[in-house]
Amino acid sequence: MEIEKKIWPEYFEMMIDGKKNIELRLADFKLNKGDVLALKEWDPKTKEYTGKIIKKKVKNLIKFNPLDKHTEDEIKQFGFYEIELENSGGSNGN
């Protein structure tokens, strides 16, 4: 299945440049491994699509509820990181 979503210009460019390959999204839509995200660049200043689009296949998917691990106050105070880690190829932390 192909799902269309908006993406802000700075994140779109990072994805085009290969610097970003992780998306953190509210799970308010159905998504499965193997689906395709069609990310359409959205300009929040003009409130219009730019016409640019990138399509990425979902390689892996983890759904979670942050309130299972943190209080609402902690989430409001600290927010979240979106972290991409390099694959070291080993299991010993090297």
C-alpha atoms as a PDB file:
ATOM      1  CA  MET A   1       0.000   0.000   0.000  1.00  0.00           C
ATOM      2  CA  GLU A   2       1.144   3.586  -0.610  1.00  0.00           C
ATOM      3  CA  ILE A   3       0.446   6.271   2.010  1.00  0.00           C
ATOM      4  CA  GLU A   4       0.902   9.992   1.337  1.00  0.00           C
ATOM      5  CA  LYS A   5       2.159  12.269   4.116  1.00  0.00           C
ATOM      6  CA  LYS A   6       3.427  15.842   4.362  1.00  0.00           C
ATOM      7  CA  ILE A   7       7.073  16.528   5.118  1.00  0.00           C
ATOM      8  CA  TRP A   8       8.627  19.917   5.918  1.00  0.00           C
ATOM      9  CA  PRO A   9      11.320  21.233   3.518  1.00  0.00           C
ATOM     10  CA  GLU A  10      14.296  20.846   5.884  1.00  0.00           C
ATOM     11  CA  TYR A  11      13.446  17.188   6.538  1.00  0.00           C
ATOM     12  CA  PHE A  12      12.675  16.563   2.866  1.00  0.00           C
ATOM     13  CA  GLU A  13      16.140  17.827   1.893  1.00  0.00           C
ATOM     14  CA  MET A  14      17.811  15.689   4.571  1.00  0.00           C
ATOM     15  CA  MET A  15      15.989  12.651   3.196  1.00  0.00           C
ATOM     16  CA  ILE A  16      16.966  13.481  -0.405  1.00  0.00           C
ATOM     17  CA  ASP A  17      20.609  13.922   0.689  1.00  0.00           C
ATOM     18  CA  GLY A  18      20.558  10.536   2.467  1.00  0.00           C
ATOM     19  CA  LYS A  19      21.119  12.144   5.882  1.00  0.00           C
ATOM     20  CA  LYS A  20      17.739  11.070   7.287  1.00  0.00           C
ATOM     21  CA  ASN A  21      16.106   7.672   6.994  1.00  0.00           C
ATOM     22  CA  ILE A  22      13.929   7.596  10.092  1.00  0.00           C
ATOM     23  CA  GLU A  23      10.457   9.111  10.470  1.00  0.00           C
ATOM     24  CA  LEU A  24       8.681   9.647  13.771  1.00  0.00           C
ATOM     25  CA  ARG A  25       4.950   9.921  13.109  1.00  0.00           C
ATOM     26  CA  LEU A  26       1.745   9.863  15.094  1.00  0.00           C
ATOM     27  CA  ALA A  27       0.274   6.396  14.501  1.00  0.00           C
ATOM     28  CA  ASP A  28      -3.087   7.782  13.351  1.00  0.00           C
ATOM     29  CA  PHE A  29      -3.019   5.753  10.130  1.00  0.00           C
ATOM     30  CA  LYS A  30      -2.465   2.109   9.183  1.00  0.00           C
ATOM     31  CA  LEU A  31       1.079   1.234   8.168  1.00  0.00           C
ATOM     32  CA  ASN A  32       2.832  -2.083   7.626  1.00  0.00           C
ATOM     33  CA  LYS A  33       6.328  -3.277   6.816  1.00  0.00           C
ATOM     34  CA  GLY A  34       6.693  -3.162   3.028  1.00  0.00           C
ATOM     35  CA  ASP A  35       4.267  -0.258   2.546  1.00  0.00           C
ATOM     36  CA  VAL A  36       5.514   2.847   0.729  1.00  0.00           C
ATOM     37  CA  LEU A  37       5.499   6.311   2.282  1.00  0.00           C
ATOM     38  CA  ALA A  38       5.048   8.980  -0.372  1.00  0.00           C
ATOM     39  CA  LEU A  39       6.470  12.040   1.393  1.00  0.00           C
ATOM     40  CA  LYS A  40       5.235  15.235  -0.229  1.00  0.00           C
ATOM     41  CA  GLU A  41       7.192  18.385   0.555  1.00  0.00           C
ATOM     42  CA  TRP A  42       4.944  20.905   2.335  1.00  0.00           C
ATOM     43  CA  ASP A  43       5.861  24.557   2.827  1.00  0.00           C
ATOM     44  CA  PRO A  44       4.440  25.624   6.209  1.00  0.00           C
ATOM     45  CA  LYS A  45       4.890  29.320   5.295  1.00  0.00           C
ATOM     46  CA  THR A  46       2.763  29.191   2.143  1.00  0.00           C
ATOM     47  CA  LYS A  47       0.662  26.262   3.407  1.00  0.00           C
ATOM     48  CA  GLU A  48       1.048  24.579   0.023  1.00  0.00           C
ATOM     49  CA  TYR A  49       2.770  21.556  -1.444  1.00  0.00           C
ATOM     50  CA  THR A  50       5.928  22.363  -3.412  1.00  0.00           C
ATOM     51  CA  GLY A  51       5.377  19.582  -5.945  1.00  0.00           C
ATOM     52  CA  LYS A  52       8.403  17.604  -4.742  1.00  0.00           C
ATOM     53  CA  ILE A  53       7.865  14.038  -3.592  1.00  0.00           C
ATOM     54  CA  ILE A  54      10.036  11.163  -2.397  1.00  0.00           C
ATOM     55  CA  LYS A  55       8.855   7.595  -1.975  1.00  0.00           C
ATOM     56  CA  LYS A  56      10.406   5.283   0.609  1.00  0.00           C
ATOM     57  CA  LYS A  57       9.581   1.666   1.392  1.00  0.00           C
ATOM     58  CA  VAL A  58       8.981   0.851   5.076  1.00  0.00           C
ATOM     59  CA  LYS A  59      11.900  -1.364   6.121  1.00  0.00           C
ATOM     60  CA  ASN A  60      10.950  -1.792   9.783  1.00  0.00           C
ATOM     61  CA  LEU A  61       8.178  -0.479  12.003  1.00  0.00           C
ATOM     62  CA  ILE A  62       7.836  -0.160  15.773  1.00  0.00           C
ATOM     63  CA  LYS A  63       4.633   1.198  17.282  1.00  0.00           C
ATOM     64  CA  PHE A  64       4.716   2.398  20.888  1.00  0.00           C
ATOM     65  CA  ASN A  65       2.822   4.569  23.348  1.00  0.00           C
ATOM     66  CA  PRO A  66       5.161   6.997  25.165  1.00  0.00           C
ATOM     67  CA  LEU A  67       2.742   7.254  28.094  1.00  0.00           C
ATOM     68  CA  ASP A  68       3.542   3.610  28.897  1.00  0.00           C
ATOM     69  CA  LYS A  69       7.054   4.710  29.914  1.00  0.00           C
ATOM     70  CA  HIS A  70       6.796   8.421  30.771  1.00  0.00           C
ATOM     71  CA  THR A  71       4.335  10.792  32.396  1.00  0.00           C
ATOM     72  CA  GLU A  72       2.615  13.477  30.349  1.00  0.00           C
ATOM     73  CA  ASP A  73       4.525  16.135  32.333  1.00  0.00           C
ATOM     74  CA  GLU A  74       7.881  14.501  31.462  1.00  0.00           C
ATOM     75  CA  ILE A  75       6.934  14.387  27.793  1.00  0.00           C
ATOM     76  CA  LYS A  76       5.892  18.055  27.816  1.00  0.00           C
ATOM     77  CA  GLN A  77       9.075  19.087  29.657  1.00  0.00           C
ATOM     78  CA  PHE A  78      11.637  17.079  27.698  1.00  0.00           C
ATOM     79  CA  GLY A  79      10.066  16.024  24.385  1.00  0.00           C
ATOM     80  CA  PHE A  80      11.735  13.263  22.395  1.00  0.00           C
ATOM     81  CA  TYR A  81      14.834  12.687  20.330  1.00  0.00           C
ATOM     82  CA  GLU A  82      14.641  10.990  16.971  1.00  0.00           C
ATOM     83  CA  ILE A  83      17.873   8.997  17.019  1.00  0.00           C
ATOM     84  CA  GLU A  84      19.510   7.234  14.117  1.00  0.00           C
ATOM     85  CA  LEU A  85      22.348   4.893  15.075  1.00  0.00           C
ATOM     86  CA  GLU A  86      25.054   3.512  12.836  1.00  0.00           C
ATOM     87  CA  ASN A  87      25.038  -0.224  12.387  1.00  0.00           C
ATOM     88  CA  SER A  88      28.306  -1.518  13.877  1.00  0.00           C
ATOM     89  CA  GLY A  89      27.695  -5.045  12.686  1.00  0.00           C
ATOM     90  CA  GLY A  90      28.477  -6.516  16.111  1.00  0.00           C
ATOM     91  CA  SER A  91      26.572  -7.202  19.298  1.00  0.00           C
ATOM     92  CA  ASN A  92      29.312  -6.231  21.764  1.00  0.00           C
ATOM     93  CA  GLY A  93      28.847  -2.459  21.441  1.00  0.00           C
ATOM     94  CA  ASN A  94      31.846  -1.822  19.161  1.00  0.00           C
END
